[in-house]
N, C-alpha and C. Protein backbone atom coordinates (compact mmCIF):
# COMPACT_ATOMS: atom_id res chain seq x y z
N MET A 1 0.84 -1.16 -0.01
CA MET A 1 0.00 0.01 0.00
C MET A 1 0.86 1.26 0.02
N ILE A 2 0.52 2.18 -0.82
CA ILE A 2 1.23 3.43 -0.91
C ILE A 2 0.80 4.32 0.27
N PRO A 3 1.78 4.85 1.00
CA PRO A 3 1.42 5.63 2.22
C PRO A 3 0.58 6.84 1.92
N GLU A 4 -0.21 7.23 2.94
CA GLU A 4 -1.15 8.38 2.80
C GLU A 4 -0.44 9.69 2.41
N GLU A 5 0.77 9.89 2.93
CA GLU A 5 1.51 11.10 2.71
C GLU A 5 2.30 11.13 1.42
N HIS A 6 2.31 10.05 0.66
CA HIS A 6 3.03 9.93 -0.59
C HIS A 6 2.51 10.99 -1.59
N ALA A 7 3.45 11.61 -2.33
CA ALA A 7 3.13 12.68 -3.20
C ALA A 7 2.16 12.25 -4.33
N LEU A 8 2.28 11.00 -4.79
CA LEU A 8 1.40 10.52 -5.82
C LEU A 8 -0.06 10.39 -5.34
N ARG A 9 -0.26 9.94 -4.10
CA ARG A 9 -1.62 9.89 -3.54
C ARG A 9 -2.19 11.30 -3.42
N GLN A 10 -1.34 12.23 -2.96
CA GLN A 10 -1.83 13.58 -2.78
C GLN A 10 -2.18 14.22 -4.15
N LEU A 11 -1.37 13.93 -5.18
CA LEU A 11 -1.68 14.43 -6.49
C LEU A 11 -3.03 13.87 -6.99
N PHE A 12 -3.24 12.58 -6.82
CA PHE A 12 -4.50 11.99 -7.29
C PHE A 12 -5.67 12.53 -6.48
N HIS A 13 -5.56 12.72 -5.22
CA HIS A 13 -6.61 13.26 -4.40
C HIS A 13 -6.97 14.67 -4.83
N GLN A 14 -5.98 15.51 -5.07
CA GLN A 14 -6.24 16.88 -5.51
C GLN A 14 -6.88 16.90 -6.99
N THR A 15 -6.28 16.10 -7.84
CA THR A 15 -6.76 16.14 -9.23
C THR A 15 -8.17 15.56 -9.35
N VAL A 16 -8.44 14.43 -8.68
CA VAL A 16 -9.79 13.87 -8.71
C VAL A 16 -10.82 14.82 -8.12
N SER A 17 -10.48 15.39 -6.94
CA SER A 17 -11.43 16.30 -6.31
C SER A 17 -11.69 17.51 -7.21
N GLU A 18 -10.67 18.07 -7.84
CA GLU A 18 -10.88 19.25 -8.67
C GLU A 18 -11.64 18.88 -9.99
N CYS A 19 -11.29 17.77 -10.63
CA CYS A 19 -11.97 17.42 -11.85
C CYS A 19 -13.43 17.02 -11.62
N TYR A 20 -13.70 16.24 -10.54
CA TYR A 20 -15.12 15.92 -10.27
C TYR A 20 -15.93 17.12 -9.85
N SER A 21 -15.29 18.12 -9.14
CA SER A 21 -16.02 19.29 -8.76
C SER A 21 -16.30 20.11 -10.05
N GLU A 22 -15.33 20.29 -10.89
CA GLU A 22 -15.48 21.17 -12.04
C GLU A 22 -16.40 20.55 -13.13
N HIS A 23 -16.21 19.29 -13.45
CA HIS A 23 -16.88 18.68 -14.52
C HIS A 23 -18.18 17.96 -14.17
N LEU A 24 -18.25 17.54 -12.96
CA LEU A 24 -19.51 16.75 -12.51
C LEU A 24 -20.32 17.58 -11.53
N GLY A 25 -19.74 18.67 -10.96
CA GLY A 25 -20.43 19.33 -9.86
C GLY A 25 -20.51 18.51 -8.61
N LEU A 26 -19.59 17.57 -8.48
CA LEU A 26 -19.63 16.62 -7.35
C LEU A 26 -18.65 17.08 -6.28
N HIS A 27 -19.16 17.23 -5.04
CA HIS A 27 -18.32 17.62 -3.93
C HIS A 27 -18.44 16.54 -2.86
N ASP A 28 -18.41 15.29 -3.20
CA ASP A 28 -18.57 14.20 -2.36
C ASP A 28 -17.22 13.59 -1.99
N SER A 29 -16.62 13.95 -0.86
CA SER A 29 -15.26 13.54 -0.53
C SER A 29 -15.13 12.04 -0.36
N GLU A 30 -16.22 11.38 0.02
CA GLU A 30 -16.11 9.87 0.13
C GLU A 30 -15.87 9.27 -1.27
N VAL A 31 -16.58 9.72 -2.28
CA VAL A 31 -16.41 9.21 -3.62
C VAL A 31 -15.05 9.62 -4.19
N THR A 32 -14.69 10.87 -4.07
CA THR A 32 -13.45 11.30 -4.67
C THR A 32 -12.22 10.69 -3.89
N SER A 33 -12.32 10.50 -2.66
CA SER A 33 -11.24 9.85 -1.94
C SER A 33 -11.08 8.38 -2.37
N TYR A 34 -12.19 7.73 -2.47
CA TYR A 34 -12.22 6.28 -2.92
C TYR A 34 -11.54 6.17 -4.30
N ILE A 35 -11.98 7.02 -5.25
CA ILE A 35 -11.43 6.95 -6.59
C ILE A 35 -9.97 7.35 -6.66
N ALA A 36 -9.58 8.35 -5.91
CA ALA A 36 -8.18 8.77 -5.83
C ALA A 36 -7.31 7.62 -5.27
N ASP A 37 -7.80 6.99 -4.25
CA ASP A 37 -7.09 5.90 -3.60
C ASP A 37 -6.99 4.71 -4.59
N LEU A 38 -8.05 4.52 -5.33
CA LEU A 38 -8.05 3.48 -6.35
C LEU A 38 -6.98 3.70 -7.41
N LEU A 39 -6.86 4.94 -7.89
CA LEU A 39 -5.82 5.32 -8.88
C LEU A 39 -4.43 5.08 -8.28
N THR A 40 -4.26 5.44 -6.99
CA THR A 40 -2.96 5.27 -6.37
C THR A 40 -2.60 3.81 -6.28
N GLU A 41 -3.54 3.01 -5.77
CA GLU A 41 -3.24 1.60 -5.61
C GLU A 41 -3.02 0.88 -6.93
N PHE A 42 -3.71 1.25 -7.99
CA PHE A 42 -3.60 0.65 -9.27
C PHE A 42 -2.31 1.03 -9.98
N CYS A 43 -1.54 1.92 -9.44
CA CYS A 43 -0.22 2.23 -9.98
C CYS A 43 0.72 1.13 -9.80
N VAL A 44 0.41 0.21 -8.78
CA VAL A 44 1.17 -0.98 -8.61
C VAL A 44 0.47 -2.07 -9.36
N VAL A 45 1.11 -2.59 -10.41
CA VAL A 45 0.46 -3.49 -11.35
C VAL A 45 -0.12 -4.73 -10.67
N GLU A 46 0.51 -5.18 -9.62
CA GLU A 46 0.01 -6.41 -8.88
C GLU A 46 -1.40 -6.10 -8.34
N ASN A 47 -1.66 -4.87 -7.95
CA ASN A 47 -2.98 -4.49 -7.46
C ASN A 47 -4.01 -4.42 -8.61
N LEU A 48 -3.60 -4.01 -9.80
CA LEU A 48 -4.48 -3.98 -10.91
C LEU A 48 -4.98 -5.37 -11.32
N TYR A 49 -4.04 -6.33 -11.23
CA TYR A 49 -4.38 -7.72 -11.61
C TYR A 49 -4.27 -8.59 -10.34
N LEU A 50 -5.08 -8.23 -9.35
CA LEU A 50 -5.12 -8.90 -8.02
C LEU A 50 -5.62 -10.32 -8.10
N ILE A 51 -6.53 -10.60 -8.98
CA ILE A 51 -7.13 -11.89 -9.08
C ILE A 51 -6.19 -12.85 -9.76
N ARG A 52 -6.04 -14.03 -9.19
CA ARG A 52 -5.10 -15.05 -9.70
C ARG A 52 -5.85 -16.33 -10.14
N ASP A 53 -5.30 -16.98 -11.15
CA ASP A 53 -5.91 -18.27 -11.54
C ASP A 53 -5.35 -19.39 -10.64
N ALA A 54 -5.74 -20.69 -10.96
CA ALA A 54 -5.28 -21.78 -10.09
C ALA A 54 -3.75 -21.96 -10.06
N GLU A 55 -3.06 -21.49 -11.10
CA GLU A 55 -1.61 -21.58 -11.15
C GLU A 55 -0.89 -20.40 -10.53
N GLY A 56 -1.69 -19.41 -10.05
CA GLY A 56 -1.16 -18.26 -9.48
C GLY A 56 -0.83 -17.09 -10.44
N ASN A 57 -1.24 -17.26 -11.74
CA ASN A 57 -1.01 -16.21 -12.70
C ASN A 57 -2.12 -15.18 -12.65
N PRO A 58 -1.76 -13.91 -12.94
CA PRO A 58 -2.76 -12.85 -12.89
C PRO A 58 -3.82 -13.09 -13.93
N VAL A 59 -5.07 -12.85 -13.57
CA VAL A 59 -6.20 -12.94 -14.49
C VAL A 59 -6.38 -11.56 -15.10
N ARG A 60 -6.35 -11.47 -16.41
CA ARG A 60 -6.44 -10.19 -17.07
C ARG A 60 -7.73 -9.97 -17.87
N GLU A 61 -8.53 -11.03 -18.07
CA GLU A 61 -9.74 -11.00 -18.81
C GLU A 61 -10.95 -10.94 -17.87
N VAL A 62 -11.85 -10.06 -18.17
CA VAL A 62 -13.04 -9.86 -17.30
C VAL A 62 -13.84 -11.16 -17.21
N GLY A 63 -13.99 -11.90 -18.27
CA GLY A 63 -14.78 -13.15 -18.20
C GLY A 63 -14.17 -14.14 -17.18
N GLN A 64 -12.83 -14.19 -17.15
CA GLN A 64 -12.19 -15.08 -16.18
C GLN A 64 -12.34 -14.53 -14.73
N MET A 65 -12.34 -13.19 -14.61
CA MET A 65 -12.57 -12.56 -13.29
C MET A 65 -13.99 -12.89 -12.80
N LEU A 66 -14.95 -12.82 -13.71
CA LEU A 66 -16.32 -13.17 -13.35
C LEU A 66 -16.43 -14.63 -12.85
N ALA A 67 -15.72 -15.53 -13.57
CA ALA A 67 -15.77 -16.96 -13.13
C ALA A 67 -15.18 -17.08 -11.75
N ALA A 68 -14.11 -16.29 -11.46
CA ALA A 68 -13.46 -16.32 -10.18
C ALA A 68 -14.37 -15.81 -9.08
N SER A 69 -15.39 -15.00 -9.46
CA SER A 69 -16.28 -14.43 -8.45
C SER A 69 -17.45 -15.36 -8.03
N ASP A 70 -17.68 -16.36 -8.82
CA ASP A 70 -18.88 -17.19 -8.65
C ASP A 70 -18.65 -18.29 -7.63
N PRO A 71 -19.34 -18.22 -6.46
CA PRO A 71 -19.11 -19.24 -5.44
C PRO A 71 -19.84 -20.58 -5.72
N ILE A 72 -20.78 -20.56 -6.69
CA ILE A 72 -21.54 -21.77 -6.98
C ILE A 72 -20.93 -22.49 -8.25
N HIS A 73 -20.83 -21.80 -9.34
CA HIS A 73 -20.34 -22.41 -10.55
C HIS A 73 -18.95 -22.06 -10.94
N GLY A 74 -18.34 -21.20 -10.23
CA GLY A 74 -16.99 -20.75 -10.45
C GLY A 74 -16.00 -21.18 -9.46
N THR A 75 -14.99 -20.37 -9.20
CA THR A 75 -13.89 -20.79 -8.36
C THR A 75 -13.87 -20.05 -6.99
N ALA A 76 -14.80 -19.19 -6.75
CA ALA A 76 -14.78 -18.44 -5.46
C ALA A 76 -15.11 -19.43 -4.36
N PRO A 77 -14.31 -19.55 -3.29
CA PRO A 77 -14.55 -20.55 -2.24
C PRO A 77 -15.65 -20.15 -1.26
N SER A 78 -16.13 -18.87 -1.32
CA SER A 78 -17.15 -18.44 -0.35
C SER A 78 -17.85 -17.20 -0.91
N PHE A 79 -18.92 -16.81 -0.20
CA PHE A 79 -19.58 -15.58 -0.60
C PHE A 79 -18.72 -14.34 -0.25
N ASP A 80 -17.94 -14.45 0.81
CA ASP A 80 -17.00 -13.42 1.15
C ASP A 80 -16.02 -13.22 0.01
N ALA A 81 -15.51 -14.29 -0.53
CA ALA A 81 -14.60 -14.18 -1.67
C ALA A 81 -15.31 -13.62 -2.89
N GLU A 82 -16.57 -13.95 -3.08
CA GLU A 82 -17.31 -13.35 -4.18
C GLU A 82 -17.39 -11.84 -3.99
N ARG A 83 -17.68 -11.34 -2.83
CA ARG A 83 -17.72 -9.90 -2.59
C ARG A 83 -16.37 -9.23 -2.93
N LYS A 84 -15.31 -9.84 -2.45
CA LYS A 84 -13.98 -9.26 -2.69
C LYS A 84 -13.66 -9.21 -4.12
N VAL A 85 -13.91 -10.28 -4.83
CA VAL A 85 -13.64 -10.27 -6.29
C VAL A 85 -14.54 -9.32 -7.05
N ARG A 86 -15.82 -9.31 -6.67
CA ARG A 86 -16.75 -8.35 -7.36
C ARG A 86 -16.35 -6.93 -7.13
N LYS A 87 -15.90 -6.62 -5.95
CA LYS A 87 -15.43 -5.23 -5.66
C LYS A 87 -14.24 -4.92 -6.54
N HIS A 88 -13.33 -5.86 -6.67
CA HIS A 88 -12.18 -5.64 -7.56
C HIS A 88 -12.65 -5.48 -9.01
N ILE A 89 -13.57 -6.30 -9.46
CA ILE A 89 -14.06 -6.14 -10.84
C ILE A 89 -14.67 -4.81 -11.08
N GLY A 90 -15.45 -4.27 -10.14
CA GLY A 90 -16.04 -2.99 -10.25
C GLY A 90 -15.03 -1.94 -10.31
N ASP A 91 -13.96 -2.05 -9.42
CA ASP A 91 -12.81 -1.08 -9.47
C ASP A 91 -12.06 -1.18 -10.76
N TYR A 92 -11.78 -2.35 -11.24
CA TYR A 92 -11.02 -2.62 -12.50
C TYR A 92 -11.81 -2.00 -13.65
N ALA A 93 -13.15 -2.26 -13.71
CA ALA A 93 -13.94 -1.73 -14.78
C ALA A 93 -14.01 -0.20 -14.77
N LEU A 94 -14.20 0.37 -13.61
CA LEU A 94 -14.24 1.82 -13.50
C LEU A 94 -12.91 2.46 -13.94
N PHE A 95 -11.83 1.94 -13.45
CA PHE A 95 -10.51 2.41 -13.79
C PHE A 95 -10.28 2.26 -15.29
N SER A 96 -10.53 1.09 -15.82
CA SER A 96 -10.23 0.84 -17.25
C SER A 96 -11.07 1.68 -18.19
N THR A 97 -12.37 1.75 -17.92
CA THR A 97 -13.25 2.58 -18.86
C THR A 97 -13.07 4.05 -18.67
N GLY A 98 -12.62 4.50 -17.53
CA GLY A 98 -12.43 5.91 -17.28
C GLY A 98 -11.08 6.38 -17.71
N MET A 99 -10.08 5.66 -17.34
CA MET A 99 -8.66 6.12 -17.62
C MET A 99 -8.15 5.62 -18.97
N TYR A 100 -8.59 4.45 -19.41
CA TYR A 100 -8.07 3.85 -20.59
C TYR A 100 -9.16 3.26 -21.52
N PRO A 101 -10.10 4.06 -21.88
CA PRO A 101 -11.17 3.47 -22.80
C PRO A 101 -10.65 2.93 -24.06
N GLU A 102 -9.57 3.47 -24.61
CA GLU A 102 -9.01 2.99 -25.85
C GLU A 102 -8.41 1.55 -25.62
N ALA A 103 -7.91 1.28 -24.49
CA ALA A 103 -7.38 -0.07 -24.15
C ALA A 103 -8.47 -1.07 -24.01
N VAL A 104 -9.64 -0.63 -23.55
CA VAL A 104 -10.83 -1.51 -23.40
C VAL A 104 -11.29 -1.85 -24.80
N GLN A 105 -11.29 -0.93 -25.67
CA GLN A 105 -11.69 -1.17 -27.09
C GLN A 105 -10.72 -2.17 -27.76
N ARG A 106 -9.45 -2.02 -27.58
CA ARG A 106 -8.45 -2.88 -28.10
C ARG A 106 -8.57 -4.34 -27.49
N ALA A 107 -8.91 -4.35 -26.26
CA ALA A 107 -9.01 -5.69 -25.57
C ALA A 107 -10.06 -6.55 -26.23
N LYS A 108 -11.09 -5.99 -26.78
CA LYS A 108 -12.14 -6.83 -27.46
C LYS A 108 -11.51 -7.66 -28.55
N PHE A 109 -10.57 -7.08 -29.23
CA PHE A 109 -9.90 -7.89 -30.31
C PHE A 109 -9.09 -9.04 -29.76
N ALA A 110 -8.76 -8.99 -28.51
CA ALA A 110 -8.01 -10.03 -27.81
C ALA A 110 -9.00 -11.02 -27.12
N GLY A 111 -10.27 -10.83 -27.29
CA GLY A 111 -11.22 -11.75 -26.74
C GLY A 111 -11.87 -11.30 -25.44
N ASP A 112 -11.57 -10.13 -24.94
CA ASP A 112 -12.15 -9.64 -23.70
C ASP A 112 -13.42 -8.85 -23.97
N ALA A 113 -14.01 -8.27 -22.94
CA ALA A 113 -15.30 -7.60 -23.00
C ALA A 113 -15.20 -6.33 -23.81
N THR A 114 -16.30 -5.99 -24.47
CA THR A 114 -16.38 -4.71 -25.21
C THR A 114 -16.49 -3.61 -24.14
N PHE A 115 -16.37 -2.40 -24.63
CA PHE A 115 -16.52 -1.22 -23.70
C PHE A 115 -17.90 -1.27 -22.95
N LEU A 116 -18.98 -1.48 -23.67
CA LEU A 116 -20.29 -1.49 -22.98
C LEU A 116 -20.46 -2.66 -22.05
N GLU A 117 -19.88 -3.79 -22.44
CA GLU A 117 -19.92 -4.94 -21.53
C GLU A 117 -19.11 -4.66 -20.30
N MET A 118 -18.05 -3.98 -20.39
CA MET A 118 -17.16 -3.63 -19.28
C MET A 118 -17.96 -2.66 -18.33
N VAL A 119 -18.67 -1.66 -18.87
CA VAL A 119 -19.41 -0.76 -18.09
C VAL A 119 -20.51 -1.57 -17.36
N ARG A 120 -21.28 -2.42 -18.07
CA ARG A 120 -22.35 -3.15 -17.47
C ARG A 120 -21.78 -4.08 -16.38
N THR A 121 -20.60 -4.71 -16.60
CA THR A 121 -20.05 -5.60 -15.58
C THR A 121 -19.56 -4.82 -14.37
N GLY A 122 -19.02 -3.63 -14.59
CA GLY A 122 -18.59 -2.82 -13.42
C GLY A 122 -19.80 -2.43 -12.56
N LYS A 123 -20.85 -1.93 -13.23
CA LYS A 123 -22.05 -1.54 -12.47
C LYS A 123 -22.64 -2.71 -11.78
N GLU A 124 -22.73 -3.83 -12.44
CA GLU A 124 -23.33 -5.00 -11.85
C GLU A 124 -22.49 -5.50 -10.64
N SER A 125 -21.18 -5.47 -10.82
CA SER A 125 -20.31 -5.88 -9.70
C SER A 125 -20.44 -4.99 -8.50
N TYR A 126 -20.45 -3.66 -8.68
CA TYR A 126 -20.68 -2.78 -7.53
C TYR A 126 -22.03 -3.01 -6.97
N TYR A 127 -23.08 -3.26 -7.77
CA TYR A 127 -24.42 -3.54 -7.25
C TYR A 127 -24.39 -4.78 -6.34
N ILE A 128 -23.74 -5.80 -6.80
CA ILE A 128 -23.65 -7.06 -6.02
C ILE A 128 -22.97 -6.81 -4.69
N VAL A 129 -21.89 -6.06 -4.76
CA VAL A 129 -21.21 -5.70 -3.50
C VAL A 129 -22.16 -4.91 -2.56
N SER A 130 -22.99 -4.10 -3.11
CA SER A 130 -23.89 -3.33 -2.27
C SER A 130 -24.93 -4.19 -1.61
N GLN A 131 -25.19 -5.38 -2.18
CA GLN A 131 -26.16 -6.26 -1.60
C GLN A 131 -25.66 -7.05 -0.46
N PHE A 132 -24.36 -7.01 -0.22
CA PHE A 132 -23.76 -7.53 1.01
C PHE A 132 -23.93 -6.43 2.07
N ASN A 133 -25.11 -6.38 2.64
CA ASN A 133 -25.46 -5.27 3.51
C ASN A 133 -25.73 -5.64 4.97
N LEU A 134 -25.07 -6.74 5.41
CA LEU A 134 -25.24 -7.17 6.76
C LEU A 134 -23.84 -7.20 7.49
N PHE A 135 -23.92 -7.23 8.80
CA PHE A 135 -22.74 -7.44 9.61
C PHE A 135 -21.65 -6.43 9.27
N GLU A 136 -20.45 -6.92 9.03
CA GLU A 136 -19.32 -6.03 8.82
C GLU A 136 -19.39 -5.20 7.53
N TYR A 137 -20.32 -5.56 6.61
CA TYR A 137 -20.44 -4.82 5.34
C TYR A 137 -21.58 -3.83 5.39
N GLN A 138 -22.30 -3.76 6.41
CA GLN A 138 -23.51 -2.95 6.45
C GLN A 138 -23.25 -1.47 6.20
N ASN A 139 -22.14 -0.93 6.76
CA ASN A 139 -21.86 0.47 6.61
C ASN A 139 -21.37 0.84 5.21
N GLU A 140 -20.82 -0.10 4.47
CA GLU A 140 -20.27 0.17 3.16
C GLU A 140 -21.30 -0.06 2.04
N ALA A 141 -22.38 -0.75 2.31
CA ALA A 141 -23.28 -1.25 1.28
C ALA A 141 -23.84 -0.07 0.43
N ALA A 142 -24.32 0.96 1.10
CA ALA A 142 -24.96 2.10 0.35
C ALA A 142 -23.93 2.82 -0.53
N PHE A 143 -22.67 2.90 -0.08
CA PHE A 143 -21.59 3.50 -0.89
C PHE A 143 -21.42 2.74 -2.20
N PHE A 144 -21.40 1.45 -2.15
CA PHE A 144 -21.21 0.66 -3.39
C PHE A 144 -22.44 0.75 -4.25
N GLY A 145 -23.62 0.87 -3.63
CA GLY A 145 -24.82 1.14 -4.38
C GLY A 145 -24.75 2.39 -5.23
N LYS A 146 -24.19 3.44 -4.58
CA LYS A 146 -23.98 4.74 -5.23
C LYS A 146 -23.00 4.57 -6.41
N LEU A 147 -21.92 3.80 -6.17
CA LEU A 147 -20.95 3.58 -7.23
C LEU A 147 -21.62 2.93 -8.42
N ALA A 148 -22.51 1.96 -8.14
CA ALA A 148 -23.18 1.27 -9.26
C ALA A 148 -24.13 2.23 -9.95
N GLU A 149 -24.89 2.94 -9.20
CA GLU A 149 -25.86 3.88 -9.78
C GLU A 149 -25.22 4.98 -10.59
N GLU A 150 -24.16 5.51 -10.18
CA GLU A 150 -23.56 6.68 -10.83
C GLU A 150 -22.27 6.24 -11.57
N PHE A 151 -22.14 4.99 -11.95
CA PHE A 151 -20.92 4.48 -12.56
C PHE A 151 -20.46 5.30 -13.80
N GLU A 152 -21.43 5.63 -14.67
CA GLU A 152 -21.05 6.41 -15.87
C GLU A 152 -20.52 7.80 -15.55
N SER A 153 -21.13 8.43 -14.57
CA SER A 153 -20.66 9.74 -14.14
C SER A 153 -19.23 9.69 -13.61
N TYR A 154 -18.98 8.69 -12.77
CA TYR A 154 -17.61 8.58 -12.16
C TYR A 154 -16.63 8.18 -13.25
N MET A 155 -17.05 7.39 -14.20
CA MET A 155 -16.20 7.02 -15.32
C MET A 155 -15.85 8.33 -16.12
N TYR A 156 -16.86 9.09 -16.40
CA TYR A 156 -16.64 10.32 -17.13
C TYR A 156 -15.66 11.23 -16.36
N GLY A 157 -15.83 11.31 -15.04
CA GLY A 157 -14.90 12.09 -14.22
C GLY A 157 -13.48 11.62 -14.38
N LEU A 158 -13.33 10.26 -14.43
CA LEU A 158 -11.97 9.77 -14.61
C LEU A 158 -11.39 10.09 -16.00
N THR A 159 -12.19 10.28 -17.00
CA THR A 159 -11.67 10.70 -18.34
C THR A 159 -11.14 12.11 -18.14
N LYS A 160 -11.81 12.95 -17.40
CA LYS A 160 -11.33 14.31 -17.12
C LYS A 160 -10.02 14.28 -16.31
N VAL A 161 -9.96 13.35 -15.35
CA VAL A 161 -8.75 13.22 -14.52
C VAL A 161 -7.57 12.86 -15.45
N ARG A 162 -7.81 11.89 -16.31
CA ARG A 162 -6.75 11.51 -17.27
C ARG A 162 -6.33 12.68 -18.14
N GLY A 163 -7.33 13.39 -18.64
CA GLY A 163 -6.94 14.58 -19.45
C GLY A 163 -6.12 15.58 -18.68
N GLU A 164 -6.42 15.80 -17.44
CA GLU A 164 -5.63 16.71 -16.63
C GLU A 164 -4.26 16.21 -16.41
N LEU A 165 -4.13 14.90 -16.09
CA LEU A 165 -2.80 14.30 -15.90
C LEU A 165 -1.98 14.34 -17.16
N ASP A 166 -2.63 14.07 -18.29
CA ASP A 166 -1.94 14.19 -19.59
C ASP A 166 -1.44 15.62 -19.81
N ARG A 167 -2.32 16.63 -19.47
CA ARG A 167 -1.93 18.00 -19.61
C ARG A 167 -0.75 18.38 -18.79
N MET A 168 -0.66 17.76 -17.56
CA MET A 168 0.48 18.00 -16.64
C MET A 168 1.75 17.26 -17.07
N GLY A 169 1.52 16.36 -17.97
CA GLY A 169 2.70 15.51 -18.44
C GLY A 169 3.00 14.35 -17.50
N ALA A 170 1.98 13.96 -16.65
CA ALA A 170 2.16 12.86 -15.74
C ALA A 170 2.20 11.54 -16.49
N PRO A 171 3.13 10.67 -16.10
CA PRO A 171 3.13 9.34 -16.75
C PRO A 171 2.11 8.44 -16.19
N VAL A 172 0.95 8.29 -16.87
CA VAL A 172 -0.14 7.45 -16.36
C VAL A 172 -0.48 6.24 -17.28
N HIS A 173 0.38 6.02 -18.24
CA HIS A 173 0.04 4.92 -19.19
C HIS A 173 0.53 3.59 -18.64
N LEU A 174 -0.38 2.92 -17.89
CA LEU A 174 -0.04 1.58 -17.26
C LEU A 174 -0.50 0.39 -18.06
N MET A 175 -1.53 0.51 -18.82
CA MET A 175 -2.08 -0.66 -19.50
C MET A 175 -1.46 -0.92 -20.83
């Protein structure tokens, strides 16, 4: 985990907050902090491809990620594991469609999801996470419901963040 005081985390927090405020009229620090932290953590490639297959290799295709999230027909060993993988899929989809939409379009030619499938999968994954609304997940459930409901807006905000980072000359090309 990249420390709170790290300059990169601070840059992402400031840029996300400013872009979401200016372009979306959004002044929700919970959302902007979550998205800024997501950008920071995904700078570490191992965090971007957190899900592993049976051999321990990173899973890079959304279809395989979805199989890994299924506790009944897939490889998730529990419903807790399903929630964790679905949260990651939502994060991955939001990051990919917002920061690198052109890479999502190229990925289709490699057999992965189309852009619209990726958006649908991200929204659906956040919605599923929001349905884990008991016990230790009760306080987070509504937040993930908001991420699902406003997915396209937050995705658009990330395109503005990328534009601002590009304008600053920041090296953000990870995919």
